[in-house]
């Protein structure tokens, strides 16, 4: 499996899971457009589009750093045009940019409510739509979105309704696009981690070194994405994947290497059903 010569347009790729996916593709020799807001160093979060570009180039890929706010349709459209012009097209769209806010209905202010809806659901829709004309011309086109399996049980909404609406909105985009563009051969899928992932954004938003020590590294999501993106697009669309299940199906048996702290009991992520079977040997504790 290889993404050599493929062009990936990845939102939020200056750090965390987005950067991990970019680096995994870069090791194959892929072209990566880093579409993110951070051009200058953030006071609390590491990485910029320029530092990400250097890492991608060092890993063996070609990088195009682009300042993009996914809330701005014109910004996204121009970035997509630059990516296609620079690399001769777009093969893969990764909707990774996302905002986290777990405030309850009465606690969240409407400015923050609007922010997470605009970045998460609207950003996914705008970015996917902008990439579609190029994906229609690609040989094995994929849209992959970092969003959860669709499960409408009330428990996933009651505690943090605003955030749940935004993340499920991303998943609904994949559900609709998968069917709408099935005949065009564009694979549209969602990918979600079984456990919490140790990213600076999660630590900043949710807090706690203890949570990070019981999380997995972003590389597990990147490796799962790599497997999905190498599958034939016409045979793999409309799915809601869990990272370690994808890797187990691909033959991975050693998941300990993905743990931040080897041997620690992992924390299950939001939106993952505790009855969903984890690979053998994986021990998970759910937060609720």
C-alpha atoms as a PDB file:
ATOM      1  CA  UNK A   1       0.000   0.000   0.000  1.00  0.00           C
ATOM      2  CA  UNK A   2       1.346   3.404  -0.912  1.00  0.00           C
ATOM      3  CA  UNK A   3       0.192   6.984  -1.414  1.00  0.00           C
ATOM      4  CA  UNK A   4       3.226   7.823  -3.537  1.00  0.00           C
ATOM      5  CA  UNK A   5       2.447  10.667  -5.919  1.00  0.00           C
ATOM      6  CA  UNK A   6      -1.019  11.250  -4.417  1.00  0.00           C
ATOM      7  CA  UNK A   7      -2.088  14.745  -3.413  1.00  0.00           C
ATOM      8  CA  UNK A   8      -3.792  15.218  -0.055  1.00  0.00           C
ATOM      9  CA  UNK A   9      -5.637  18.377   1.015  1.00  0.00           C
ATOM     10  CA  UNK A  10      -5.744  18.228   4.832  1.00  0.00           C
ATOM     11  CA  UNK A  11      -7.467  20.776   7.043  1.00  0.00           C
ATOM     12  CA  UNK A  12      -5.980  21.417  10.465  1.00  0.00           C
ATOM     13  CA  UNK A  13      -2.723  19.697   9.519  1.00  0.00           C
ATOM     14  CA  UNK A  14      -0.335  21.950  11.418  1.00  0.00           C
ATOM     15  CA  UNK A  15      -0.405  19.661  14.465  1.00  0.00           C
ATOM     16  CA  UNK A  16      -1.996  16.604  16.065  1.00  0.00           C
ATOM     17  CA  UNK A  17      -3.882  13.995  14.062  1.00  0.00           C
ATOM     18  CA  UNK A  18      -3.854  16.051  10.869  1.00  0.00           C
ATOM     19  CA  UNK A  19      -0.081  16.339  10.941  1.00  0.00           C
ATOM     20  CA  UNK A  20       0.289  12.641  11.773  1.00  0.00           C
ATOM     21  CA  UNK A  21      -1.794  11.714   8.718  1.00  0.00           C
ATOM     22  CA  UNK A  22       0.288  14.103   6.609  1.00  0.00           C
ATOM     23  CA  UNK A  23       3.570  12.599   7.806  1.00  0.00           C
ATOM     24  CA  UNK A  24       2.368   9.040   7.167  1.00  0.00           C
ATOM     25  CA  UNK A  25       1.492   9.993   3.600  1.00  0.00           C
ATOM     26  CA  UNK A  26       4.766  11.902   3.217  1.00  0.00           C
ATOM     27  CA  UNK A  27       6.773   8.780   4.004  1.00  0.00           C
ATOM     28  CA  UNK A  28       5.239   7.292   0.859  1.00  0.00           C
ATOM     29  CA  UNK A  29       6.243  10.337  -1.184  1.00  0.00           C
ATOM     30  CA  UNK A  30       2.845  12.065  -1.251  1.00  0.00           C
ATOM     31  CA  UNK A  31       2.078  15.734  -1.851  1.00  0.00           C
ATOM     32  CA  UNK A  32       0.365  17.438   1.085  1.00  0.00           C
ATOM     33  CA  UNK A  33      -1.453  20.754   1.250  1.00  0.00           C
ATOM     34  CA  UNK A  34      -1.475  21.905   4.875  1.00  0.00           C
ATOM     35  CA  UNK A  35      -4.654  23.946   5.179  1.00  0.00           C
ATOM     36  CA  UNK A  36      -4.674  25.521   8.630  1.00  0.00           C
ATOM     37  CA  UNK A  37      -4.941  28.884  10.389  1.00  0.00           C
ATOM     38  CA  UNK A  38      -1.675  28.854  12.326  1.00  0.00           C
ATOM     39  CA  UNK A  39       0.965  30.734  10.390  1.00  0.00           C
ATOM     40  CA  UNK A  40       2.614  32.194  13.500  1.00  0.00           C
ATOM     41  CA  UNK A  41       3.373  30.209  16.701  1.00  0.00           C
ATOM     42  CA  UNK A  42       0.403  29.840  19.041  1.00  0.00           C
ATOM     43  CA  UNK A  43       1.079  30.734  22.704  1.00  0.00           C
ATOM     44  CA  UNK A  44      -0.326  27.409  23.964  1.00  0.00           C
ATOM     45  CA  UNK A  45      -0.348  25.037  20.985  1.00  0.00           C
ATOM     46  CA  UNK A  46       2.735  23.786  19.119  1.00  0.00           C
ATOM     47  CA  UNK A  47       3.229  23.869  15.369  1.00  0.00           C
ATOM     48  CA  UNK A  48       2.497  26.113  12.423  1.00  0.00           C
ATOM     49  CA  UNK A  49       1.804  25.418   8.762  1.00  0.00           C
ATOM     50  CA  UNK A  50       5.478  26.179   8.116  1.00  0.00           C
ATOM     51  CA  UNK A  51       6.891  23.828  10.758  1.00  0.00           C
ATOM     52  CA  UNK A  52       4.510  21.136   9.488  1.00  0.00           C
ATOM     53  CA  UNK A  53       5.741  21.720   5.939  1.00  0.00           C
ATOM     54  CA  UNK A  54       9.342  21.229   7.056  1.00  0.00           C
ATOM     55  CA  UNK A  55       8.454  17.955   8.776  1.00  0.00           C
ATOM     56  CA  UNK A  56       6.595  16.714   5.705  1.00  0.00           C
ATOM     57  CA  UNK A  57       9.522  17.528   3.422  1.00  0.00           C
ATOM     58  CA  UNK A  58      11.951  15.826   5.815  1.00  0.00           C
ATOM     59  CA  UNK A  59       9.717  12.729   5.821  1.00  0.00           C
ATOM     60  CA  UNK A  60       9.965  12.465   2.032  1.00  0.00           C
ATOM     61  CA  UNK A  61       6.863  14.293   0.817  1.00  0.00           C
ATOM     62  CA  UNK A  62       6.180  17.598  -0.878  1.00  0.00           C
ATOM     63  CA  UNK A  63       4.406  20.257   1.168  1.00  0.00           C
ATOM     64  CA  UNK A  64       2.295  23.299   0.398  1.00  0.00           C
ATOM     65  CA  UNK A  65       1.560  25.407   3.500  1.00  0.00           C
ATOM     66  CA  UNK A  66      -1.672  27.392   3.118  1.00  0.00           C
ATOM     67  CA  UNK A  67      -3.285  29.785   5.569  1.00  0.00           C
ATOM     68  CA  UNK A  68      -6.920  28.686   5.598  1.00  0.00           C
ATOM     69  CA  UNK A  69      -9.895  29.383   7.830  1.00  0.00           C
ATOM     70  CA  UNK A  70     -12.436  26.660   7.050  1.00  0.00           C
ATOM     71  CA  UNK A  71     -15.214  29.030   8.133  1.00  0.00           C
ATOM     72  CA  UNK A  72     -14.383  31.231   5.143  1.00  0.00           C
ATOM     73  CA  UNK A  73     -15.675  29.777   1.873  1.00  0.00           C
ATOM     74  CA  UNK A  74     -13.441  32.022  -0.255  1.00  0.00           C
ATOM     75  CA  UNK A  75     -10.370  31.066   1.773  1.00  0.00           C
ATOM     76  CA  UNK A  76     -11.075  27.366   1.284  1.00  0.00           C
ATOM     77  CA  UNK A  77     -11.811  27.740  -2.434  1.00  0.00           C
ATOM     78  CA  UNK A  78      -8.582  29.645  -3.059  1.00  0.00           C
ATOM     79  CA  UNK A  79      -6.528  27.104  -1.095  1.00  0.00           C
ATOM     80  CA  UNK A  80      -8.039  24.235  -3.079  1.00  0.00           C
ATOM     81  CA  UNK A  81      -7.225  26.055  -6.319  1.00  0.00           C
ATOM     82  CA  UNK A  82      -3.629  26.600  -5.206  1.00  0.00           C
ATOM     83  CA  UNK A  83      -3.261  22.960  -4.222  1.00  0.00           C
ATOM     84  CA  UNK A  84      -4.637  21.663  -7.529  1.00  0.00           C
ATOM     85  CA  UNK A  85      -2.543  24.141  -9.506  1.00  0.00           C
ATOM     86  CA  UNK A  86       0.667  23.268  -7.632  1.00  0.00           C
ATOM     87  CA  UNK A  87       0.328  19.486  -7.709  1.00  0.00           C
ATOM     88  CA  UNK A  88      -1.838  18.955 -10.779  1.00  0.00           C
ATOM     89  CA  UNK A  89      -4.988  17.869  -8.983  1.00  0.00           C
ATOM     90  CA  UNK A  90      -6.318  16.532  -5.684  1.00  0.00           C
ATOM     91  CA  UNK A  91      -6.733  12.846  -4.880  1.00  0.00           C
ATOM     92  CA  UNK A  92      -7.714  12.962  -1.221  1.00  0.00           C
ATOM     93  CA  UNK A  93      -9.584  15.402   1.005  1.00  0.00           C
ATOM     94  CA  UNK A  94      -9.118  15.022   4.771  1.00  0.00           C
ATOM     95  CA  UNK A  95     -11.552  16.925   6.981  1.00  0.00           C
ATOM     96  CA  UNK A  96      -9.578  17.051  10.194  1.00  0.00           C
ATOM     97  CA  UNK A  97     -10.052  20.651  11.380  1.00  0.00           C
ATOM     98  CA  UNK A  98     -12.274  20.638  14.434  1.00  0.00           C
ATOM     99  CA  UNK A  99     -13.091  22.662  17.529  1.00  0.00           C
ATOM    100  CA  UNK A 100     -13.802  21.083  20.915  1.00  0.00           C
ATOM    101  CA  UNK A 101     -16.147  22.489  23.537  1.00  0.00           C
ATOM    102  CA  UNK A 102     -17.942  20.168  25.949  1.00  0.00           C
ATOM    103  CA  UNK A 103     -19.977  22.846  27.721  1.00  0.00           C
ATOM    104  CA  UNK A 104     -23.569  22.044  28.530  1.00  0.00           C
ATOM    105  CA  UNK A 105     -26.527  23.739  26.891  1.00  0.00           C
ATOM    106  CA  UNK A 106     -26.881  26.435  29.555  1.00  0.00           C
ATOM    107  CA  UNK A 107     -23.147  27.000  29.957  1.00  0.00           C
ATOM    108  CA  UNK A 108     -22.099  27.510  26.351  1.00  0.00           C
ATOM    109  CA  UNK A 109     -22.421  31.016  24.957  1.00  0.00           C
ATOM    110  CA  UNK A 110     -23.744  31.426  21.440  1.00  0.00           C
ATOM    111  CA  UNK A 111     -20.482  32.792  20.086  1.00  0.00           C
ATOM    112  CA  UNK A 112     -18.743  29.548  20.955  1.00  0.00           C
ATOM    113  CA  UNK A 113     -21.749  27.550  19.772  1.00  0.00           C
ATOM    114  CA  UNK A 114     -21.512  29.226  16.366  1.00  0.00           C
ATOM    115  CA  UNK A 115     -17.747  28.718  16.265  1.00  0.00           C
ATOM    116  CA  UNK A 116     -17.859  24.933  16.660  1.00  0.00           C
ATOM    117  CA  UNK A 117     -20.743  24.562  14.194  1.00  0.00           C
ATOM    118  CA  UNK A 118     -18.912  26.680  11.609  1.00  0.00           C
ATOM    119  CA  UNK A 119     -15.588  24.886  11.965  1.00  0.00           C
ATOM    120  CA  UNK A 120     -16.875  21.349  12.353  1.00  0.00           C
ATOM    121  CA  UNK A 121     -20.032  20.806  10.288  1.00  0.00           C
ATOM    122  CA  UNK A 122     -19.890  23.795   7.939  1.00  0.00           C
ATOM    123  CA  UNK A 123     -16.118  23.513   7.453  1.00  0.00           C
ATOM    124  CA  UNK A 124     -16.468  19.871   6.463  1.00  0.00           C
ATOM    125  CA  UNK A 125     -19.230  20.688   3.989  1.00  0.00           C
ATOM    126  CA  UNK A 126     -17.388  23.658   2.453  1.00  0.00           C
ATOM    127  CA  UNK A 127     -14.057  21.837   2.121  1.00  0.00           C
ATOM    128  CA  UNK A 128     -15.550  18.654   0.705  1.00  0.00           C
ATOM    129  CA  UNK A 129     -17.602  20.603  -1.820  1.00  0.00           C
ATOM    130  CA  UNK A 130     -14.593  22.645  -2.956  1.00  0.00           C
ATOM    131  CA  UNK A 131     -12.545  19.477  -3.557  1.00  0.00           C
ATOM    132  CA  UNK A 132     -15.255  17.549  -5.420  1.00  0.00           C
ATOM    133  CA  UNK A 133     -14.505  18.800  -8.972  1.00  0.00           C
ATOM    134  CA  UNK A 134     -10.888  17.679  -8.588  1.00  0.00           C
ATOM    135  CA  UNK A 135     -11.780  14.391  -6.907  1.00  0.00           C
ATOM    136  CA  UNK A 136     -14.042  13.491  -9.828  1.00  0.00           C
ATOM    137  CA  UNK A 137     -10.939  13.493 -12.040  1.00  0.00           C
ATOM    138  CA  UNK A 138      -8.753  11.491  -9.638  1.00  0.00           C
ATOM    139  CA  UNK A 139      -7.996   7.802 -10.094  1.00  0.00           C
ATOM    140  CA  UNK A 140      -8.866   6.644  -6.560  1.00  0.00           C
ATOM    141  CA  UNK A 141     -10.545   9.615  -4.840  1.00  0.00           C
ATOM    142  CA  UNK A 142     -11.289   9.684  -1.133  1.00  0.00           C
ATOM    143  CA  UNK A 143     -12.877  12.060   1.334  1.00  0.00           C
ATOM    144  CA  UNK A 144     -12.086  11.067   4.905  1.00  0.00           C
ATOM    145  CA  UNK A 145     -13.536  12.955   7.867  1.00  0.00           C
ATOM    146  CA  UNK A 146     -12.489  12.686  11.510  1.00  0.00           C
ATOM    147  CA  UNK A 147     -15.939  12.241  13.000  1.00  0.00           C
ATOM    148  CA  UNK A 148     -17.844   9.621  15.006  1.00  0.00           C
ATOM    149  CA  UNK A 149     -20.108   6.711  14.086  1.00  0.00           C
ATOM    150  CA  UNK A 150     -23.736   7.747  13.808  1.00  0.00           C
ATOM    151  CA  UNK A 151     -25.492   6.646  16.994  1.00  0.00           C
ATOM    152  CA  UNK A 152     -28.563   8.652  17.964  1.00  0.00           C
ATOM    153  CA  UNK A 153     -28.930   7.492  21.553  1.00  0.00           C
ATOM    154  CA  UNK A 154     -29.664  10.466  23.832  1.00  0.00           C
ATOM    155  CA  UNK A 155     -26.625   9.857  26.064  1.00  0.00           C
ATOM    156  CA  UNK A 156     -24.307  11.167  23.335  1.00  0.00           C
ATOM    157  CA  UNK A 157     -26.166  14.486  23.219  1.00  0.00           C
ATOM    158  CA  UNK A 158     -27.381  15.306  26.716  1.00  0.00           C
ATOM    159  CA  UNK A 159     -24.123  16.392  28.319  1.00  0.00           C
ATOM    160  CA  UNK A 160     -22.644  18.465  25.484  1.00  0.00           C
ATOM    161  CA  UNK A 161     -25.360  19.026  22.926  1.00  0.00           C
ATOM    162  CA  UNK A 162     -23.600  21.766  20.969  1.00  0.00           C
ATOM    163  CA  UNK A 163     -20.429  19.729  20.412  1.00  0.00           C
ATOM    164  CA  UNK A 164     -22.360  16.562  19.599  1.00  0.00           C
ATOM    165  CA  UNK A 165     -24.426  18.383  16.979  1.00  0.00           C
ATOM    166  CA  UNK A 166     -21.259  19.661  15.332  1.00  0.00           C
ATOM    167  CA  UNK A 167     -19.467  16.307  15.242  1.00  0.00           C
ATOM    168  CA  UNK A 168     -22.515  14.341  14.117  1.00  0.00           C
ATOM    169  CA  UNK A 169     -23.016  16.995  11.460  1.00  0.00           C
ATOM    170  CA  UNK A 170     -19.607  16.068  10.076  1.00  0.00           C
ATOM    171  CA  UNK A 171     -20.620  12.410   9.992  1.00  0.00           C
ATOM    172  CA  UNK A 172     -23.917  13.234   8.296  1.00  0.00           C
ATOM    173  CA  UNK A 173     -21.949  15.020   5.587  1.00  0.00           C
ATOM    174  CA  UNK A 174     -20.154  11.750   4.871  1.00  0.00           C
ATOM    175  CA  UNK A 175     -23.390   9.781   4.925  1.00  0.00           C
ATOM    176  CA  UNK A 176     -24.963  12.047   2.321  1.00  0.00           C
ATOM    177  CA  UNK A 177     -21.887  12.544   0.135  1.00  0.00           C
ATOM    178  CA  UNK A 178     -21.173   8.809   0.031  1.00  0.00           C
ATOM    179  CA  UNK A 179     -24.529   8.121  -1.552  1.00  0.00           C
ATOM    180  CA  UNK A 180     -24.600  11.212  -3.739  1.00  0.00           C
ATOM    181  CA  UNK A 181     -21.171  10.521  -5.264  1.00  0.00           C
ATOM    182  CA  UNK A 182     -21.204   6.734  -5.246  1.00  0.00           C
ATOM    183  CA  UNK A 183     -21.634   6.632  -9.030  1.00  0.00           C
ATOM    184  CA  UNK A 184     -18.660   8.980  -9.423  1.00  0.00           C
ATOM    185  CA  UNK A 185     -16.492   6.554  -7.501  1.00  0.00           C
ATOM    186  CA  UNK A 186     -15.616   8.993  -4.714  1.00  0.00           C
ATOM    187  CA  UNK A 187     -15.207   7.227  -1.385  1.00  0.00           C
ATOM    188  CA  UNK A 188     -16.646   9.229   1.524  1.00  0.00           C
ATOM    189  CA  UNK A 189     -15.949   7.803   4.960  1.00  0.00           C
ATOM    190  CA  UNK A 190     -15.563   8.797   8.604  1.00  0.00           C
ATOM    191  CA  UNK A 191     -12.828   7.696  11.005  1.00  0.00           C
ATOM    192  CA  UNK A 192     -12.912   7.953  14.791  1.00  0.00           C
ATOM    193  CA  UNK A 193     -10.514   6.825  17.541  1.00  0.00           C
ATOM    194  CA  UNK A 194     -11.590   4.190  20.027  1.00  0.00           C
ATOM    195  CA  UNK A 195      -9.610   5.943  22.754  1.00  0.00           C
ATOM    196  CA  UNK A 196      -8.694   9.491  23.597  1.00  0.00           C
ATOM    197  CA  UNK A 197      -5.760  10.724  21.515  1.00  0.00           C
ATOM    198  CA  UNK A 198      -2.856  12.637  23.054  1.00  0.00           C
ATOM    199  CA  UNK A 199      -2.902  15.897  21.128  1.00  0.00           C
ATOM    200  CA  UNK A 200      -2.091  19.374  22.374  1.00  0.00           C
ATOM    201  CA  UNK A 201      -5.546  20.573  21.335  1.00  0.00           C
ATOM    202  CA  UNK A 202      -7.277  17.912  23.465  1.00  0.00           C
ATOM    203  CA  UNK A 203      -5.021  18.612  26.436  1.00  0.00           C
ATOM    204  CA  UNK A 204      -5.641  22.334  26.097  1.00  0.00           C
ATOM    205  CA  UNK A 205      -9.414  21.937  25.793  1.00  0.00           C
ATOM    206  CA  UNK A 206      -9.996  19.100  28.258  1.00  0.00           C
ATOM    207  CA  UNK A 207      -6.908  19.429  30.465  1.00  0.00           C
ATOM    208  CA  UNK A 208      -4.901  16.987  32.454  1.00  0.00           C
ATOM    209  CA  UNK A 209      -1.647  15.112  32.012  1.00  0.00           C
ATOM    210  CA  UNK A 210      -3.393  12.098  33.550  1.00  0.00           C
ATOM    211  CA  UNK A 211      -5.756  11.902  30.576  1.00  0.00           C
ATOM    212  CA  UNK A 212      -2.873  12.197  28.134  1.00  0.00           C
ATOM    213  CA  UNK A 213      -0.983   9.345  29.820  1.00  0.00           C
ATOM    214  CA  UNK A 214      -4.004   7.080  29.310  1.00  0.00           C
ATOM    215  CA  UNK A 215      -4.383   8.020  25.656  1.00  0.00           C
ATOM    216  CA  UNK A 216      -2.953   6.772  22.396  1.00  0.00           C
ATOM    217  CA  UNK A 217      -0.617   8.610  20.062  1.00  0.00           C
ATOM    218  CA  UNK A 218      -2.002  10.288  16.921  1.00  0.00           C
ATOM    219  CA  UNK A 219      -0.075   7.774  14.826  1.00  0.00           C
ATOM    220  CA  UNK A 220      -2.755   5.121  15.386  1.00  0.00           C
ATOM    221  CA  UNK A 221      -5.323   7.294  13.592  1.00  0.00           C
ATOM    222  CA  UNK A 222      -2.797   8.115  10.868  1.00  0.00           C
ATOM    223  CA  UNK A 223      -2.021   4.445  10.257  1.00  0.00           C
ATOM    224  CA  UNK A 224      -5.733   3.607  10.095  1.00  0.00           C
ATOM    225  CA  UNK A 225      -6.298   6.477   7.660  1.00  0.00           C
ATOM    226  CA  UNK A 226      -3.455   5.163   5.504  1.00  0.00           C
ATOM    227  CA  UNK A 227      -5.165   1.771   5.264  1.00  0.00           C
ATOM    228  CA  UNK A 228      -8.512   3.320   4.319  1.00  0.00           C
ATOM    229  CA  UNK A 229      -7.055   5.697   1.739  1.00  0.00           C
ATOM    230  CA  UNK A 230      -5.352   2.831  -0.059  1.00  0.00           C
ATOM    231  CA  UNK A 231      -8.591   0.890  -0.479  1.00  0.00           C
ATOM    232  CA  UNK A 232     -10.398   0.983  -3.850  1.00  0.00           C
ATOM    233  CA  UNK A 233     -12.727   3.970  -3.607  1.00  0.00           C
ATOM    234  CA  UNK A 234     -15.623   2.270  -5.409  1.00  0.00           C
ATOM    235  CA  UNK A 235     -15.543  -0.589  -2.912  1.00  0.00           C
ATOM    236  CA  UNK A 236     -15.131   1.453   0.266  1.00  0.00           C
ATOM    237  CA  UNK A 237     -17.630   4.238   0.877  1.00  0.00           C
ATOM    238  CA  UNK A 238     -20.256   5.190   3.423  1.00  0.00           C
ATOM    239  CA  UNK A 239     -18.444   3.613   6.367  1.00  0.00           C
ATOM    240  CA  UNK A 240     -17.857   4.848   9.912  1.00  0.00           C
ATOM    241  CA  UNK A 241     -14.548   3.338  10.909  1.00  0.00           C
ATOM    242  CA  UNK A 242     -12.902   2.937  14.331  1.00  0.00           C
ATOM    243  CA  UNK A 243      -9.121   3.226  14.173  1.00  0.00           C
ATOM    244  CA  UNK A 244      -7.949   0.008  15.856  1.00  0.00           C
ATOM    245  CA  UNK A 245     -10.642  -2.082  14.164  1.00  0.00           C
ATOM    246  CA  UNK A 246      -9.325  -0.930  10.782  1.00  0.00           C
ATOM    247  CA  UNK A 247      -5.783  -1.857  11.778  1.00  0.00           C
ATOM    248  CA  UNK A 248      -6.809  -5.213  13.282  1.00  0.00           C
ATOM    249  CA  UNK A 249      -8.566  -6.097  10.027  1.00  0.00           C
ATOM    250  CA  UNK A 250      -5.361  -5.143   8.208  1.00  0.00           C
ATOM    251  CA  UNK A 251      -3.363  -7.567  10.334  1.00  0.00           C
ATOM    252  CA  UNK A 252      -2.034  -5.400  13.157  1.00  0.00           C
ATOM    253  CA  UNK A 253      -1.786  -7.276  16.448  1.00  0.00           C
ATOM    254  CA  UNK A 254       0.520  -5.105  18.558  1.00  0.00           C
ATOM    255  CA  UNK A 255      -1.341  -2.010  19.747  1.00  0.00           C
ATOM    256  CA  UNK A 256       0.858  -1.339  22.774  1.00  0.00           C
ATOM    257  CA  UNK A 257       3.224   0.754  20.680  1.00  0.00           C
ATOM    258  CA  UNK A 258       0.482   3.322  20.177  1.00  0.00           C
ATOM    259  CA  UNK A 259      -0.018   3.932  23.918  1.00  0.00           C
ATOM    260  CA  UNK A 260       1.500   7.067  25.408  1.00  0.00           C
ATOM    261  CA  UNK A 261       2.219   5.131  28.589  1.00  0.00           C
ATOM    262  CA  UNK A 262       2.747   1.410  27.909  1.00  0.00           C
ATOM    263  CA  UNK A 263       0.524  -0.768  30.072  1.00  0.00           C
ATOM    264  CA  UNK A 264      -1.852   2.020  31.105  1.00  0.00           C
ATOM    265  CA  UNK A 265      -5.586   1.345  30.968  1.00  0.00           C
ATOM    266  CA  UNK A 266      -6.808   3.417  28.021  1.00  0.00           C
ATOM    267  CA  UNK A 267      -9.666   5.913  28.195  1.00  0.00           C
ATOM    268  CA  UNK A 268     -12.493   5.324  25.746  1.00  0.00           C
ATOM    269  CA  UNK A 269     -13.322   8.292  23.551  1.00  0.00           C
ATOM    270  CA  UNK A 270     -16.669  10.028  23.307  1.00  0.00           C
ATOM    271  CA  UNK A 271     -19.239   8.503  20.962  1.00  0.00           C
ATOM    272  CA  UNK A 272     -17.726   5.000  21.184  1.00  0.00           C
ATOM    273  CA  UNK A 273     -20.133   2.338  22.422  1.00  0.00           C
ATOM    274  CA  UNK A 274     -18.626   0.368  25.303  1.00  0.00           C
ATOM    275  CA  UNK A 275     -20.047  -2.803  23.746  1.00  0.00           C
ATOM    276  CA  UNK A 276     -18.075  -2.237  20.534  1.00  0.00           C
ATOM    277  CA  UNK A 277     -15.501  -5.047  20.471  1.00  0.00           C
ATOM    278  CA  UNK A 278     -11.915  -3.846  20.843  1.00  0.00           C
ATOM    279  CA  UNK A 279      -9.036  -5.916  19.422  1.00  0.00           C
ATOM    280  CA  UNK A 280      -7.777  -8.720  21.702  1.00  0.00           C
ATOM    281  CA  UNK A 281      -5.634  -7.514  24.586  1.00  0.00           C
ATOM    282  CA  UNK A 282      -6.838  -3.905  24.462  1.00  0.00           C
ATOM    283  CA  UNK A 283      -8.146  -2.758  27.873  1.00  0.00           C
ATOM    284  CA  UNK A 284     -10.340   0.342  27.934  1.00  0.00           C
ATOM    285  CA  UNK A 285     -12.121   2.248  30.682  1.00  0.00           C
ATOM    286  CA  UNK A 286     -14.998   4.480  29.668  1.00  0.00           C
ATOM    287  CA  UNK A 287     -15.499   7.909  31.209  1.00  0.00           C
ATOM    288  CA  UNK A 288     -19.287   7.550  31.414  1.00  0.00           C
END
